[in-house]
Amino acid sequence: MELQGVIEKIDETSKDYSMPGRVRNTLKRVSEELKMEDQDFAVRITTAVYEIDEVINDINIPMHAKTALWDIISDLEAIKEG
């Protein structure tokens, strides 16, 4: 998967109202940061993974949200390594 596909997945997930507000807000911010081409590609990916991982560690986040976030992190890491 390429970066644009992951950004689209992030945007779709950020519009899912079954996700807590904190998750949606983080995903919107991550999406915007990933689109900023003036920053180094690897830095954008690493920052996105870090920010999403921070939300996953919140014990109040429901399991379906964590699963969606893990999926996004997996895609981002695959891009970074590829």
N, C-alpha and C. Protein backbone atom coordinates (compact mmCIF):
# COMPACT_ATOMS: atom_id res chain seq x y z
N MET A 1 0.85 -1.18 0.00
CA MET A 1 0.00 0.00 0.00
C MET A 1 0.89 1.24 0.00
N GLU A 2 0.45 2.26 -0.69
CA GLU A 2 1.23 3.48 -0.72
C GLU A 2 0.63 4.50 0.25
N LEU A 3 1.36 5.58 0.47
CA LEU A 3 0.97 6.57 1.48
C LEU A 3 -0.42 7.15 1.22
N GLN A 4 -0.74 7.45 -0.03
CA GLN A 4 -2.05 8.04 -0.32
C GLN A 4 -3.18 7.11 0.11
N GLY A 5 -3.00 5.81 -0.08
CA GLY A 5 -4.01 4.84 0.34
C GLY A 5 -4.19 4.83 1.85
N VAL A 6 -3.09 4.95 2.58
CA VAL A 6 -3.17 4.98 4.04
C VAL A 6 -3.83 6.27 4.51
N ILE A 7 -3.52 7.38 3.87
CA ILE A 7 -4.15 8.65 4.22
C ILE A 7 -5.66 8.57 4.00
N GLU A 8 -6.08 7.93 2.91
CA GLU A 8 -7.51 7.75 2.66
C GLU A 8 -8.15 6.89 3.74
N LYS A 9 -7.46 5.83 4.16
CA LYS A 9 -7.97 4.97 5.24
C LYS A 9 -8.09 5.76 6.54
N ILE A 10 -7.09 6.59 6.82
CA ILE A 10 -7.12 7.43 8.03
C ILE A 10 -8.29 8.40 7.95
N ASP A 11 -8.49 9.02 6.79
CA ASP A 11 -9.59 9.97 6.63
C ASP A 11 -10.95 9.30 6.82
N GLU A 12 -11.10 8.09 6.27
CA GLU A 12 -12.35 7.35 6.43
C GLU A 12 -12.60 7.03 7.90
N THR A 13 -11.57 6.57 8.59
CA THR A 13 -11.70 6.20 9.99
C THR A 13 -12.00 7.43 10.84
N SER A 14 -11.43 8.57 10.47
CA SER A 14 -11.68 9.79 11.25
C SER A 14 -13.11 10.29 11.10
N LYS A 15 -13.82 9.81 10.09
CA LYS A 15 -15.22 10.20 9.89
C LYS A 15 -16.20 9.20 10.50
N ASP A 16 -15.67 8.12 11.09
CA ASP A 16 -16.50 7.08 11.70
C ASP A 16 -16.92 7.55 13.10
N TYR A 17 -18.20 7.84 13.25
CA TYR A 17 -18.68 8.37 14.52
C TYR A 17 -18.80 7.33 15.62
N SER A 18 -18.47 6.08 15.33
CA SER A 18 -18.40 5.08 16.40
C SER A 18 -17.06 5.17 17.12
N MET A 19 -16.14 5.94 16.53
CA MET A 19 -14.83 6.17 17.16
C MET A 19 -14.96 7.30 18.18
N PRO A 20 -14.24 7.19 19.29
CA PRO A 20 -14.25 8.29 20.26
C PRO A 20 -13.68 9.58 19.63
N GLY A 21 -14.13 10.71 20.15
CA GLY A 21 -13.69 12.00 19.63
C GLY A 21 -12.19 12.17 19.64
N ARG A 22 -11.54 11.69 20.69
CA ARG A 22 -10.08 11.81 20.78
C ARG A 22 -9.40 11.09 19.62
N VAL A 23 -9.91 9.91 19.27
CA VAL A 23 -9.35 9.13 18.17
C VAL A 23 -9.55 9.88 16.86
N ARG A 24 -10.77 10.37 16.63
CA ARG A 24 -11.05 11.09 15.38
C ARG A 24 -10.17 12.34 15.25
N ASN A 25 -10.03 13.08 16.34
CA ASN A 25 -9.19 14.29 16.30
C ASN A 25 -7.73 13.96 16.01
N THR A 26 -7.23 12.91 16.64
CA THR A 26 -5.84 12.49 16.40
C THR A 26 -5.66 12.08 14.95
N LEU A 27 -6.60 11.32 14.41
CA LEU A 27 -6.49 10.86 13.02
C LEU A 27 -6.54 12.03 12.04
N LYS A 28 -7.38 13.03 12.31
CA LYS A 28 -7.43 14.21 11.45
C LYS A 28 -6.10 14.94 11.45
N ARG A 29 -5.51 15.08 12.64
CA ARG A 29 -4.21 15.75 12.76
C ARG A 29 -3.11 14.94 12.04
N VAL A 30 -3.11 13.63 12.23
CA VAL A 30 -2.12 12.76 11.59
C VAL A 30 -2.25 12.84 10.06
N SER A 31 -3.47 12.85 9.57
CA SER A 31 -3.69 12.94 8.13
C SER A 31 -3.08 14.22 7.57
N GLU A 32 -3.33 15.33 8.24
CA GLU A 32 -2.78 16.61 7.78
C GLU A 32 -1.25 16.61 7.83
N GLU A 33 -0.69 16.02 8.88
CA GLU A 33 0.77 15.97 9.01
C GLU A 33 1.39 15.10 7.92
N LEU A 34 0.73 14.00 7.57
CA LEU A 34 1.25 13.11 6.53
C LEU A 34 1.23 13.79 5.15
N LYS A 35 0.32 14.73 4.97
CA LYS A 35 0.20 15.43 3.69
C LYS A 35 1.22 16.55 3.54
N MET A 36 1.89 16.95 4.62
CA MET A 36 2.87 18.04 4.55
C MET A 36 4.16 17.54 3.90
N GLU A 37 4.35 17.87 2.65
CA GLU A 37 5.49 17.35 1.91
C GLU A 37 6.78 18.10 2.17
N ASP A 38 6.72 19.17 2.98
CA ASP A 38 7.95 19.91 3.28
C ASP A 38 8.78 19.21 4.35
N GLN A 39 8.20 18.20 5.03
CA GLN A 39 8.93 17.42 6.02
C GLN A 39 9.45 16.13 5.39
N ASP A 40 10.49 15.58 6.01
CA ASP A 40 11.06 14.31 5.56
C ASP A 40 10.01 13.20 5.65
N PHE A 41 9.98 12.35 4.65
CA PHE A 41 9.00 11.26 4.55
C PHE A 41 9.04 10.36 5.79
N ALA A 42 10.23 9.91 6.18
CA ALA A 42 10.38 9.00 7.32
C ALA A 42 9.94 9.67 8.62
N VAL A 43 10.20 10.96 8.75
CA VAL A 43 9.81 11.69 9.95
C VAL A 43 8.28 11.77 10.04
N ARG A 44 7.63 12.03 8.92
CA ARG A 44 6.16 12.09 8.91
C ARG A 44 5.56 10.76 9.32
N ILE A 45 6.11 9.68 8.79
CA ILE A 45 5.58 8.34 9.11
C ILE A 45 5.81 8.03 10.59
N THR A 46 7.02 8.26 11.07
CA THR A 46 7.36 7.97 12.46
C THR A 46 6.50 8.79 13.42
N THR A 47 6.29 10.05 13.11
CA THR A 47 5.46 10.91 13.95
C THR A 47 4.02 10.39 13.98
N ALA A 48 3.51 9.99 12.83
CA ALA A 48 2.15 9.47 12.75
C ALA A 48 2.00 8.21 13.60
N VAL A 49 2.95 7.30 13.48
CA VAL A 49 2.90 6.05 14.26
C VAL A 49 2.94 6.37 15.75
N TYR A 50 3.81 7.29 16.15
CA TYR A 50 3.93 7.66 17.56
C TYR A 50 2.63 8.25 18.09
N GLU A 51 2.02 9.16 17.34
CA GLU A 51 0.79 9.80 17.79
C GLU A 51 -0.37 8.81 17.89
N ILE A 52 -0.48 7.92 16.92
CA ILE A 52 -1.55 6.92 16.96
C ILE A 52 -1.32 5.94 18.10
N ASP A 53 -0.06 5.54 18.31
CA ASP A 53 0.27 4.60 19.38
C ASP A 53 -0.06 5.20 20.75
N GLU A 54 0.13 6.50 20.88
CA GLU A 54 -0.19 7.17 22.13
C GLU A 54 -1.68 7.05 22.45
N VAL A 55 -2.53 7.15 21.44
CA VAL A 55 -3.98 7.03 21.63
C VAL A 55 -4.35 5.58 21.96
N ILE A 56 -3.70 4.63 21.31
CA ILE A 56 -4.01 3.21 21.56
C ILE A 56 -3.77 2.85 23.02
N ASN A 57 -2.77 3.45 23.64
CA ASN A 57 -2.43 3.11 25.02
C ASN A 57 -3.40 3.65 26.05
N ASP A 58 -4.38 4.45 25.64
CA ASP A 58 -5.42 4.94 26.54
C ASP A 58 -6.37 3.79 26.85
N ILE A 59 -6.53 3.46 28.12
CA ILE A 59 -7.36 2.31 28.49
C ILE A 59 -8.85 2.55 28.20
N ASN A 60 -9.24 3.78 27.97
CA ASN A 60 -10.65 4.08 27.71
C ASN A 60 -11.05 3.94 26.25
N ILE A 61 -10.10 3.66 25.37
CA ILE A 61 -10.40 3.50 23.95
C ILE A 61 -10.99 2.10 23.73
N PRO A 62 -12.15 2.01 23.08
CA PRO A 62 -12.77 0.69 22.84
C PRO A 62 -11.93 -0.19 21.91
N MET A 63 -12.13 -1.48 22.03
CA MET A 63 -11.32 -2.44 21.29
C MET A 63 -11.47 -2.27 19.78
N HIS A 64 -12.66 -1.96 19.26
CA HIS A 64 -12.81 -1.81 17.81
C HIS A 64 -11.99 -0.64 17.30
N ALA A 65 -11.85 0.40 18.12
CA ALA A 65 -11.03 1.55 17.73
C ALA A 65 -9.55 1.16 17.75
N LYS A 66 -9.14 0.43 18.76
CA LYS A 66 -7.74 -0.01 18.84
C LYS A 66 -7.38 -0.89 17.65
N THR A 67 -8.29 -1.77 17.26
CA THR A 67 -8.04 -2.65 16.13
C THR A 67 -7.85 -1.84 14.85
N ALA A 68 -8.69 -0.85 14.63
CA ALA A 68 -8.56 0.01 13.44
C ALA A 68 -7.24 0.78 13.47
N LEU A 69 -6.85 1.25 14.64
CA LEU A 69 -5.60 2.01 14.76
C LEU A 69 -4.38 1.12 14.55
N TRP A 70 -4.44 -0.11 15.07
CA TRP A 70 -3.33 -1.05 14.85
C TRP A 70 -3.17 -1.34 13.36
N ASP A 71 -4.28 -1.45 12.67
CA ASP A 71 -4.26 -1.70 11.23
C ASP A 71 -3.58 -0.53 10.49
N ILE A 72 -3.89 0.68 10.89
CA ILE A 72 -3.28 1.86 10.27
C ILE A 72 -1.78 1.89 10.57
N ILE A 73 -1.42 1.61 11.81
CA ILE A 73 0.01 1.59 12.17
C ILE A 73 0.76 0.54 11.36
N SER A 74 0.14 -0.62 11.19
CA SER A 74 0.76 -1.68 10.40
C SER A 74 1.02 -1.22 8.97
N ASP A 75 0.04 -0.55 8.38
CA ASP A 75 0.19 -0.03 7.02
C ASP A 75 1.31 1.01 6.95
N LEU A 76 1.35 1.91 7.94
CA LEU A 76 2.39 2.94 7.95
C LEU A 76 3.79 2.33 8.08
N GLU A 77 3.91 1.35 8.95
CA GLU A 77 5.22 0.71 9.13
C GLU A 77 5.65 -0.06 7.88
N ALA A 78 4.69 -0.66 7.19
CA ALA A 78 5.00 -1.36 5.95
C ALA A 78 5.52 -0.38 4.90
N ILE A 79 4.95 0.81 4.84
CA ILE A 79 5.42 1.84 3.90
C ILE A 79 6.83 2.28 4.27
N LYS A 80 7.04 2.48 5.55
CA LYS A 80 8.35 2.96 6.03
C LYS A 80 9.45 1.96 5.70
N GLU A 81 9.15 0.68 5.87
CA GLU A 81 10.15 -0.36 5.62
C GLU A 81 10.32 -0.64 4.13
N GLY A 82 9.27 -0.38 3.36
CA GLY A 82 9.29 -0.71 1.94
C GLY A 82 9.94 0.33 1.15
